[in-house]
Amino acid sequence: MGVFDHDGAVIEWRGGYETLRIEPWGADSLRVRGTIGAEIRDDLPGALLPAPPSPGARADSTLGLARVVNGRLTAEITASGRLRLLRTADGAELLAEATPHFSGPPQRRYVPAGNDGGLHHIEVRFSPRDGERFYGLGQHQHGRFDQKGAVIELVQRNTAVPIPCQRS
């Protein structure tokens, strides 16, 4: 089981070898970061611009559950570290990490990224929902339009699909 810490509208969960941070990131959105170790590093380059204002965002925690509410989006994390995203208005589940099974893989898995002593790739497993479909996620050569059920590595390679160009 993990422990919660919150500062303003930011929640941090620490359990076992892992730290997870959930923070408001503009209107109706959240940023979720995880790491192996005790601290989330803010000195690493990221894909996001600096945090836009999140007026009215709030966080709270009890012994077994922590919650960050930012407008129409709510994140909950349990003491065991399972993350769920909910619609604030009615509590409907939008996305949830898979429930870990004692003999299966964890919901989050960290894979070392080189030998630089600290950076990792993260793999996250989400629970499937009946009737959902996944479109987009780049161009792939497996012949499927609906990506549900496909294992997709979200890495930019620029080698999988040629892009035609117009010559002058």
N, C-alpha and C. Protein backbone atom coordinates (compact mmCIF):
# COMPACT_ATOMS: atom_id res chain seq x y z
N MET A 1 0.84 -1.18 0.00
CA MET A 1 0.00 0.00 0.00
C MET A 1 0.88 1.25 0.00
N GLY A 2 0.35 2.29 -0.58
CA GLY A 2 1.10 3.52 -0.69
C GLY A 2 0.57 4.61 0.22
N VAL A 3 1.26 5.73 0.17
CA VAL A 3 0.85 6.89 0.97
C VAL A 3 0.64 8.07 0.04
N PHE A 4 -0.22 8.99 0.47
CA PHE A 4 -0.54 10.18 -0.31
C PHE A 4 0.07 11.41 0.33
N ASP A 5 0.40 12.36 -0.53
CA ASP A 5 0.82 13.67 -0.08
C ASP A 5 0.17 14.64 -1.05
N HIS A 6 -0.40 15.71 -0.53
CA HIS A 6 -0.91 16.69 -1.49
C HIS A 6 -0.54 18.10 -1.06
N ASP A 7 -0.28 18.88 -2.11
CA ASP A 7 0.13 20.27 -1.95
C ASP A 7 -0.75 21.08 -2.87
N GLY A 8 -1.70 21.81 -2.32
CA GLY A 8 -2.65 22.54 -3.15
C GLY A 8 -3.50 21.56 -3.93
N ALA A 9 -3.46 21.65 -5.26
CA ALA A 9 -4.26 20.77 -6.12
C ALA A 9 -3.44 19.63 -6.71
N VAL A 10 -2.26 19.36 -6.16
CA VAL A 10 -1.38 18.30 -6.66
C VAL A 10 -1.36 17.14 -5.66
N ILE A 11 -1.50 15.92 -6.19
CA ILE A 11 -1.43 14.71 -5.37
C ILE A 11 -0.19 13.92 -5.77
N GLU A 12 0.55 13.43 -4.78
CA GLU A 12 1.61 12.46 -5.03
C GLU A 12 1.29 11.20 -4.26
N TRP A 13 1.44 10.07 -4.94
CA TRP A 13 1.28 8.76 -4.32
C TRP A 13 2.62 8.06 -4.36
N ARG A 14 3.02 7.49 -3.24
CA ARG A 14 4.27 6.73 -3.17
C ARG A 14 3.96 5.35 -2.65
N GLY A 15 4.42 4.35 -3.39
CA GLY A 15 4.20 2.97 -2.97
C GLY A 15 5.27 2.08 -3.54
N GLY A 16 5.83 1.22 -2.72
CA GLY A 16 6.88 0.32 -3.18
C GLY A 16 8.06 1.10 -3.72
N TYR A 17 8.33 0.93 -4.96
CA TYR A 17 9.47 1.58 -5.62
C TYR A 17 9.06 2.78 -6.47
N GLU A 18 7.81 3.18 -6.43
CA GLU A 18 7.27 4.10 -7.42
C GLU A 18 6.68 5.36 -6.80
N THR A 19 6.75 6.46 -7.55
CA THR A 19 6.06 7.71 -7.20
C THR A 19 5.23 8.13 -8.40
N LEU A 20 3.99 8.53 -8.14
CA LEU A 20 3.08 8.98 -9.18
C LEU A 20 2.57 10.36 -8.78
N ARG A 21 2.60 11.32 -9.71
CA ARG A 21 2.10 12.67 -9.45
C ARG A 21 0.96 12.99 -10.41
N ILE A 22 -0.13 13.53 -9.86
CA ILE A 22 -1.29 13.96 -10.65
C ILE A 22 -1.46 15.44 -10.37
N GLU A 23 -1.46 16.26 -11.45
CA GLU A 23 -1.57 17.70 -11.25
C GLU A 23 -2.46 18.32 -12.33
N PRO A 24 -3.18 19.39 -11.98
CA PRO A 24 -3.99 20.09 -12.98
C PRO A 24 -3.09 20.67 -14.06
N TRP A 25 -3.59 20.70 -15.29
CA TRP A 25 -2.79 21.21 -16.40
C TRP A 25 -3.71 21.95 -17.36
N GLY A 26 -4.07 23.17 -17.03
CA GLY A 26 -5.01 23.93 -17.83
C GLY A 26 -6.45 23.56 -17.49
N ALA A 27 -7.37 24.05 -18.28
CA ALA A 27 -8.79 23.80 -18.02
C ALA A 27 -9.16 22.36 -18.36
N ASP A 28 -9.84 21.69 -17.44
CA ASP A 28 -10.40 20.35 -17.68
C ASP A 28 -9.38 19.31 -18.09
N SER A 29 -8.14 19.42 -17.64
CA SER A 29 -7.14 18.42 -17.99
C SER A 29 -6.18 18.21 -16.83
N LEU A 30 -5.49 17.06 -16.89
CA LEU A 30 -4.55 16.69 -15.83
C LEU A 30 -3.27 16.16 -16.46
N ARG A 31 -2.18 16.32 -15.75
CA ARG A 31 -0.90 15.73 -16.14
C ARG A 31 -0.59 14.65 -15.12
N VAL A 32 -0.24 13.46 -15.61
CA VAL A 32 0.11 12.34 -14.73
C VAL A 32 1.52 11.91 -15.09
N ARG A 33 2.39 11.88 -14.09
CA ARG A 33 3.77 11.43 -14.29
C ARG A 33 4.13 10.38 -13.25
N GLY A 34 4.95 9.45 -13.65
CA GLY A 34 5.40 8.42 -12.73
C GLY A 34 6.89 8.22 -12.86
N THR A 35 7.48 7.70 -11.79
CA THR A 35 8.91 7.42 -11.81
C THR A 35 9.24 6.31 -10.82
N ILE A 36 10.35 5.69 -11.05
CA ILE A 36 10.91 4.78 -10.06
C ILE A 36 11.72 5.65 -9.13
N GLY A 37 11.46 5.55 -7.87
CA GLY A 37 12.20 6.36 -6.92
C GLY A 37 11.30 7.31 -6.18
N ALA A 38 11.91 8.17 -5.42
CA ALA A 38 11.17 9.00 -4.48
C ALA A 38 10.69 10.32 -5.06
N GLU A 39 11.30 10.80 -6.13
CA GLU A 39 10.93 12.13 -6.59
C GLU A 39 10.72 12.20 -8.09
N ILE A 40 9.70 12.96 -8.47
CA ILE A 40 9.47 13.29 -9.87
C ILE A 40 10.45 14.40 -10.23
N ARG A 41 11.20 14.20 -11.30
CA ARG A 41 12.19 15.21 -11.70
C ARG A 41 11.54 16.25 -12.59
N ASP A 42 11.65 17.52 -12.19
CA ASP A 42 11.10 18.61 -12.99
C ASP A 42 12.14 19.20 -13.94
N ASP A 43 13.38 18.70 -13.88
CA ASP A 43 14.45 19.26 -14.71
C ASP A 43 14.60 18.55 -16.05
N LEU A 44 13.74 17.56 -16.33
CA LEU A 44 13.84 16.83 -17.59
C LEU A 44 13.00 17.51 -18.66
N PRO A 45 13.46 17.46 -19.91
CA PRO A 45 12.64 18.05 -20.97
C PRO A 45 11.36 17.23 -21.14
N GLY A 46 10.28 17.90 -21.49
CA GLY A 46 9.01 17.22 -21.68
C GLY A 46 8.34 17.70 -22.94
N ALA A 47 7.21 17.11 -23.24
CA ALA A 47 6.48 17.46 -24.45
C ALA A 47 5.47 18.56 -24.20
N LEU A 48 5.25 18.93 -22.95
CA LEU A 48 4.23 19.93 -22.63
C LEU A 48 4.84 21.30 -22.42
N LEU A 49 4.07 22.31 -22.78
CA LEU A 49 4.46 23.68 -22.48
C LEU A 49 4.29 23.91 -20.99
N PRO A 50 4.77 25.03 -20.45
CA PRO A 50 4.56 25.30 -19.03
C PRO A 50 3.08 25.23 -18.66
N ALA A 51 2.81 24.88 -17.42
CA ALA A 51 1.43 24.65 -16.96
C ALA A 51 0.57 25.89 -17.13
N PRO A 52 -0.53 25.76 -17.88
CA PRO A 52 -1.48 26.87 -17.96
C PRO A 52 -2.28 26.95 -16.67
N PRO A 53 -2.94 28.08 -16.41
CA PRO A 53 -3.72 28.20 -15.18
C PRO A 53 -4.84 27.16 -15.11
N SER A 54 -5.12 26.72 -13.91
CA SER A 54 -6.19 25.76 -13.65
C SER A 54 -7.06 26.29 -12.52
N PRO A 55 -7.83 27.34 -12.77
CA PRO A 55 -8.61 27.95 -11.69
C PRO A 55 -9.64 26.96 -11.14
N GLY A 56 -9.76 26.92 -9.83
CA GLY A 56 -10.75 26.07 -9.20
C GLY A 56 -10.34 24.63 -9.02
N ALA A 57 -9.15 24.23 -9.47
CA ALA A 57 -8.70 22.85 -9.27
C ALA A 57 -8.47 22.61 -7.79
N ARG A 58 -8.74 21.38 -7.36
CA ARG A 58 -8.57 21.05 -5.94
C ARG A 58 -8.18 19.58 -5.79
N ALA A 59 -7.61 19.27 -4.65
CA ALA A 59 -7.22 17.89 -4.33
C ALA A 59 -7.59 17.59 -2.90
N ASP A 60 -7.89 16.31 -2.65
CA ASP A 60 -8.12 15.87 -1.28
C ASP A 60 -7.72 14.40 -1.18
N SER A 61 -7.49 13.96 0.04
CA SER A 61 -7.13 12.56 0.23
C SER A 61 -7.66 12.07 1.57
N THR A 62 -7.95 10.78 1.60
CA THR A 62 -8.31 10.08 2.82
C THR A 62 -7.31 8.95 2.99
N LEU A 63 -7.57 8.05 3.89
CA LEU A 63 -6.63 6.95 4.14
C LEU A 63 -6.46 6.06 2.91
N GLY A 64 -7.53 5.81 2.14
CA GLY A 64 -7.44 4.86 1.04
C GLY A 64 -7.63 5.41 -0.35
N LEU A 65 -7.88 6.73 -0.50
CA LEU A 65 -8.18 7.30 -1.80
C LEU A 65 -7.77 8.76 -1.85
N ALA A 66 -7.19 9.16 -3.00
CA ALA A 66 -6.89 10.57 -3.23
C ALA A 66 -7.55 10.98 -4.53
N ARG A 67 -7.90 12.26 -4.61
CA ARG A 67 -8.66 12.76 -5.76
C ARG A 67 -8.16 14.14 -6.14
N VAL A 68 -8.01 14.36 -7.47
CA VAL A 68 -7.73 15.68 -8.02
C VAL A 68 -8.90 16.01 -8.94
N VAL A 69 -9.54 17.15 -8.70
CA VAL A 69 -10.66 17.60 -9.52
C VAL A 69 -10.23 18.87 -10.25
N ASN A 70 -10.34 18.84 -11.58
CA ASN A 70 -10.02 20.01 -12.39
C ASN A 70 -11.13 20.19 -13.42
N GLY A 71 -12.11 20.98 -13.08
CA GLY A 71 -13.22 21.23 -13.99
C GLY A 71 -14.02 19.97 -14.26
N ARG A 72 -14.10 19.59 -15.53
CA ARG A 72 -14.91 18.44 -15.93
C ARG A 72 -14.20 17.10 -15.76
N LEU A 73 -12.94 17.09 -15.31
CA LEU A 73 -12.17 15.86 -15.19
C LEU A 73 -11.72 15.64 -13.75
N THR A 74 -11.90 14.41 -13.27
CA THR A 74 -11.46 14.03 -11.94
C THR A 74 -10.56 12.80 -12.05
N ALA A 75 -9.46 12.80 -11.31
CA ALA A 75 -8.58 11.63 -11.22
C ALA A 75 -8.66 11.10 -9.80
N GLU A 76 -8.75 9.78 -9.69
CA GLU A 76 -8.71 9.11 -8.38
C GLU A 76 -7.58 8.11 -8.40
N ILE A 77 -6.87 8.02 -7.29
CA ILE A 77 -5.86 6.99 -7.13
C ILE A 77 -6.07 6.34 -5.78
N THR A 78 -6.05 5.01 -5.79
CA THR A 78 -6.26 4.26 -4.55
C THR A 78 -4.95 4.09 -3.81
N ALA A 79 -5.04 3.63 -2.58
CA ALA A 79 -3.84 3.40 -1.78
C ALA A 79 -2.94 2.35 -2.43
N SER A 80 -3.52 1.44 -3.23
CA SER A 80 -2.72 0.44 -3.93
C SER A 80 -2.09 0.99 -5.21
N GLY A 81 -2.45 2.23 -5.61
CA GLY A 81 -1.82 2.87 -6.76
C GLY A 81 -2.60 2.79 -8.05
N ARG A 82 -3.81 2.28 -8.03
CA ARG A 82 -4.61 2.18 -9.27
C ARG A 82 -5.25 3.53 -9.58
N LEU A 83 -5.07 3.99 -10.82
CA LEU A 83 -5.54 5.30 -11.27
C LEU A 83 -6.79 5.16 -12.12
N ARG A 84 -7.77 6.04 -11.86
CA ARG A 84 -8.99 6.11 -12.68
C ARG A 84 -9.26 7.57 -13.04
N LEU A 85 -9.77 7.80 -14.24
CA LEU A 85 -10.20 9.13 -14.67
C LEU A 85 -11.72 9.10 -14.81
N LEU A 86 -12.37 10.12 -14.23
CA LEU A 86 -13.83 10.17 -14.16
C LEU A 86 -14.36 11.48 -14.70
N ARG A 87 -15.59 11.46 -15.18
CA ARG A 87 -16.28 12.69 -15.53
C ARG A 87 -16.78 13.29 -14.22
N THR A 88 -16.41 14.52 -13.93
CA THR A 88 -16.73 15.14 -12.66
C THR A 88 -18.24 15.24 -12.43
N ALA A 89 -18.99 15.59 -13.44
CA ALA A 89 -20.42 15.85 -13.27
C ALA A 89 -21.19 14.65 -12.72
N ASP A 90 -20.91 13.45 -13.23
CA ASP A 90 -21.70 12.29 -12.80
C ASP A 90 -20.86 11.12 -12.29
N GLY A 91 -19.54 11.28 -12.24
CA GLY A 91 -18.69 10.22 -11.73
C GLY A 91 -18.49 9.05 -12.68
N ALA A 92 -18.93 9.18 -13.93
CA ALA A 92 -18.77 8.10 -14.90
C ALA A 92 -17.28 7.86 -15.18
N GLU A 93 -16.90 6.60 -15.20
CA GLU A 93 -15.51 6.24 -15.47
C GLU A 93 -15.20 6.44 -16.94
N LEU A 94 -14.15 7.20 -17.22
CA LEU A 94 -13.70 7.45 -18.58
C LEU A 94 -12.56 6.53 -18.97
N LEU A 95 -11.65 6.27 -18.03
CA LEU A 95 -10.47 5.46 -18.28
C LEU A 95 -9.96 4.96 -16.94
N ALA A 96 -9.53 3.70 -16.90
CA ALA A 96 -9.00 3.15 -15.65
C ALA A 96 -7.86 2.20 -15.95
N GLU A 97 -6.84 2.27 -15.11
CA GLU A 97 -5.76 1.30 -15.23
C GLU A 97 -6.31 -0.08 -14.90
N ALA A 98 -5.71 -1.09 -15.52
CA ALA A 98 -6.11 -2.46 -15.25
C ALA A 98 -5.88 -2.78 -13.78
N THR A 99 -6.77 -3.57 -13.23
CA THR A 99 -6.59 -4.02 -11.84
C THR A 99 -5.50 -5.07 -11.83
N PRO A 100 -4.43 -4.85 -11.08
CA PRO A 100 -3.35 -5.83 -11.09
C PRO A 100 -3.79 -7.15 -10.46
N HIS A 101 -3.30 -8.23 -11.01
CA HIS A 101 -3.57 -9.58 -10.50
C HIS A 101 -2.27 -10.10 -9.92
N PHE A 102 -2.35 -10.85 -8.83
CA PHE A 102 -1.12 -11.27 -8.15
C PHE A 102 -0.18 -12.06 -9.06
N SER A 103 -0.70 -12.74 -10.10
CA SER A 103 0.18 -13.51 -10.97
C SER A 103 0.40 -12.84 -12.32
N GLY A 104 -0.14 -11.63 -12.50
CA GLY A 104 -0.01 -10.95 -13.78
C GLY A 104 0.92 -9.76 -13.68
N PRO A 105 1.05 -9.05 -14.80
CA PRO A 105 1.91 -7.87 -14.79
C PRO A 105 1.26 -6.72 -14.02
N PRO A 106 2.05 -5.79 -13.52
CA PRO A 106 1.48 -4.63 -12.84
C PRO A 106 0.80 -3.71 -13.85
N GLN A 107 0.00 -2.76 -13.35
CA GLN A 107 -0.65 -1.84 -14.27
C GLN A 107 0.35 -0.88 -14.91
N ARG A 108 1.47 -0.61 -14.24
CA ARG A 108 2.53 0.23 -14.80
C ARG A 108 3.84 -0.54 -14.73
N ARG A 109 4.60 -0.48 -15.82
CA ARG A 109 5.89 -1.16 -15.85
C ARG A 109 6.92 -0.18 -16.37
N TYR A 110 8.03 -0.07 -15.67
CA TYR A 110 9.12 0.84 -16.04
C TYR A 110 10.25 0.04 -16.67
N VAL A 111 10.72 0.50 -17.83
CA VAL A 111 11.79 -0.17 -18.55
C VAL A 111 12.93 0.83 -18.70
N PRO A 112 14.14 0.48 -18.24
CA PRO A 112 15.26 1.42 -18.34
C PRO A 112 15.46 1.91 -19.77
N ALA A 113 15.73 3.20 -19.91
CA ALA A 113 15.98 3.82 -21.22
C ALA A 113 17.46 4.12 -21.32
N GLY A 114 18.22 3.14 -21.71
CA GLY A 114 19.66 3.31 -21.82
C GLY A 114 20.33 3.08 -20.47
N ASN A 115 21.56 3.49 -20.36
CA ASN A 115 22.31 3.27 -19.13
C ASN A 115 22.72 4.59 -18.49
N ASP A 116 21.83 5.58 -18.58
CA ASP A 116 22.16 6.90 -18.04
C ASP A 116 21.86 7.02 -16.55
N GLY A 117 21.36 5.97 -15.94
CA GLY A 117 21.17 5.98 -14.51
C GLY A 117 19.90 6.65 -14.01
N GLY A 118 18.81 6.55 -14.73
CA GLY A 118 17.62 7.11 -14.15
C GLY A 118 16.41 7.27 -15.05
N LEU A 119 16.61 7.32 -16.35
CA LEU A 119 15.47 7.51 -17.24
C LEU A 119 14.84 6.17 -17.60
N HIS A 120 13.51 6.17 -17.71
CA HIS A 120 12.77 4.94 -18.02
C HIS A 120 11.65 5.23 -19.01
N HIS A 121 11.30 4.22 -19.80
CA HIS A 121 10.05 4.21 -20.56
C HIS A 121 9.01 3.64 -19.61
N ILE A 122 7.77 4.04 -19.79
CA ILE A 122 6.71 3.49 -18.95
C ILE A 122 5.66 2.84 -19.85
N GLU A 123 5.23 1.67 -19.47
CA GLU A 123 4.14 0.97 -20.14
C GLU A 123 2.97 0.93 -19.16
N VAL A 124 1.79 1.32 -19.63
CA VAL A 124 0.60 1.36 -18.78
C VAL A 124 -0.48 0.49 -19.40
N ARG A 125 -1.12 -0.33 -18.58
CA ARG A 125 -2.23 -1.17 -19.05
C ARG A 125 -3.54 -0.58 -18.55
N PHE A 126 -4.49 -0.40 -19.48
CA PHE A 126 -5.81 0.13 -19.14
C PHE A 126 -6.85 -0.96 -19.31
N SER A 127 -7.89 -0.90 -18.51
CA SER A 127 -8.99 -1.85 -18.62
C SER A 127 -9.79 -1.56 -19.88
N PRO A 128 -10.11 -2.60 -20.67
CA PRO A 128 -10.92 -2.37 -21.87
C PRO A 128 -12.38 -2.12 -21.49
N ARG A 129 -13.07 -1.42 -22.36
CA ARG A 129 -14.49 -1.13 -22.14
C ARG A 129 -15.27 -1.65 -23.35
N ASP A 130 -16.43 -2.24 -23.09
CA ASP A 130 -17.27 -2.73 -24.17
C ASP A 130 -17.64 -1.60 -25.12
N GLY A 131 -17.55 -1.86 -26.40
CA GLY A 131 -17.97 -0.90 -27.41
C GLY A 131 -16.99 0.21 -27.72
N GLU A 132 -15.87 0.29 -27.00
CA GLU A 132 -14.93 1.37 -27.29
C GLU A 132 -14.13 1.06 -28.56
N ARG A 133 -13.67 2.11 -29.17
CA ARG A 133 -12.84 1.99 -30.36
C ARG A 133 -11.68 2.98 -30.23
N PHE A 134 -10.57 2.64 -30.84
CA PHE A 134 -9.41 3.53 -30.85
C PHE A 134 -9.01 3.80 -32.28
N TYR A 135 -9.01 5.07 -32.64
CA TYR A 135 -8.61 5.48 -33.98
C TYR A 135 -7.41 6.40 -33.87
N GLY A 136 -6.63 6.41 -34.92
CA GLY A 136 -5.47 7.29 -34.94
C GLY A 136 -4.24 6.58 -34.43
N LEU A 137 -3.49 7.24 -33.57
CA LEU A 137 -2.24 6.73 -33.00
C LEU A 137 -1.15 6.58 -34.05
N GLY A 138 -1.22 7.34 -35.12
CA GLY A 138 -0.19 7.27 -36.14
C GLY A 138 -0.53 6.26 -37.23
N GLN A 139 0.41 6.04 -38.13
CA GLN A 139 0.20 5.11 -39.24
C GLN A 139 0.91 3.81 -38.94
N HIS A 140 0.17 2.71 -39.08
CA HIS A 140 0.74 1.39 -38.80
C HIS A 140 0.43 0.46 -39.97
N GLN A 141 1.22 -0.57 -40.14
CA GLN A 141 1.09 -1.45 -41.29
C GLN A 141 0.39 -2.75 -40.95
N HIS A 142 -0.42 -2.78 -39.91
CA HIS A 142 -1.11 -4.02 -39.56
C HIS A 142 -2.48 -4.15 -40.20
N GLY A 143 -2.92 -3.13 -40.96
CA GLY A 143 -4.16 -3.22 -41.72
C GLY A 143 -5.43 -2.98 -40.94
N ARG A 144 -5.34 -2.45 -39.74
CA ARG A 144 -6.53 -2.21 -38.92
C ARG A 144 -6.80 -0.72 -38.82
N PHE A 145 -8.08 -0.36 -38.98
CA PHE A 145 -8.48 1.03 -38.78
C PHE A 145 -8.78 1.26 -37.30
N ASP A 146 -9.52 0.34 -36.68
CA ASP A 146 -9.81 0.39 -35.24
C ASP A 146 -8.64 -0.28 -34.52
N GLN A 147 -7.94 0.48 -33.68
CA GLN A 147 -6.73 -0.01 -33.02
C GLN A 147 -7.01 -0.83 -31.75
N LYS A 148 -8.29 -0.95 -31.33
CA LYS A 148 -8.58 -1.68 -30.09
C LYS A 148 -8.08 -3.12 -30.21
N GLY A 149 -7.38 -3.55 -29.19
CA GLY A 149 -6.83 -4.90 -29.16
C GLY A 149 -5.44 -5.00 -29.75
N ALA A 150 -4.98 -3.97 -30.43
CA ALA A 150 -3.65 -3.99 -31.01
C ALA A 150 -2.64 -3.47 -29.98
N VAL A 151 -1.46 -4.02 -29.99
CA VAL A 151 -0.38 -3.52 -29.16
C VAL A 151 0.38 -2.52 -30.01
N ILE A 152 0.36 -1.27 -29.60
CA ILE A 152 0.96 -0.19 -30.39
C ILE A 152 2.06 0.46 -29.58
N GLU A 153 3.27 0.48 -30.12
CA GLU A 153 4.37 1.20 -29.49
C GLU A 153 4.34 2.62 -30.04
N LEU A 154 4.10 3.60 -29.17
CA LEU A 154 3.97 4.98 -29.60
C LEU A 154 5.35 5.64 -29.67
N VAL A 155 6.10 5.28 -30.70
CA VAL A 155 7.45 5.79 -30.90
C VAL A 155 7.54 6.32 -32.32
N GLN A 156 8.07 7.52 -32.48
CA GLN A 156 8.24 8.11 -33.80
C GLN A 156 9.50 7.57 -34.43
N ARG A 157 9.38 6.91 -35.58
CA ARG A 157 10.55 6.33 -36.23
C ARG A 157 10.80 6.93 -37.62
N ASN A 158 9.78 7.45 -38.29
CA ASN A 158 9.90 8.00 -39.65
C ASN A 158 10.41 6.97 -40.65
N THR A 159 10.21 5.67 -40.38
CA THR A 159 10.65 4.65 -41.31
C THR A 159 9.53 3.70 -41.70
N ALA A 160 8.39 3.76 -41.04
CA ALA A 160 7.33 2.78 -41.28
C ALA A 160 6.50 3.11 -42.50
N VAL A 161 6.24 4.38 -42.77
CA VAL A 161 5.36 4.76 -43.87
C VAL A 161 6.01 5.89 -44.66
N PRO A 162 6.16 5.71 -45.96
CA PRO A 162 6.69 6.82 -46.76
C PRO A 162 5.64 7.91 -46.91
N ILE A 163 6.05 9.14 -46.87
CA ILE A 163 5.17 10.29 -47.02
C ILE A 163 5.42 10.86 -48.43
N PRO A 164 4.39 10.81 -49.29
CA PRO A 164 4.62 11.38 -50.63
C PRO A 164 4.76 12.90 -50.56
N CYS A 165 5.55 13.45 -51.44
CA CYS A 165 5.71 14.89 -51.49
C CYS A 165 5.55 15.37 -52.92
N GLN A 166 5.19 16.60 -53.07
CA GLN A 166 5.01 17.19 -54.40
C GLN A 166 6.29 17.93 -54.76
N ARG A 167 6.80 17.62 -55.94
CA ARG A 167 8.02 18.31 -56.39
C ARG A 167 7.65 19.44 -57.31
N SER A 168 8.40 20.51 -57.22
CA SER A 168 8.13 21.66 -58.08
C SER A 168 8.88 21.54 -59.38
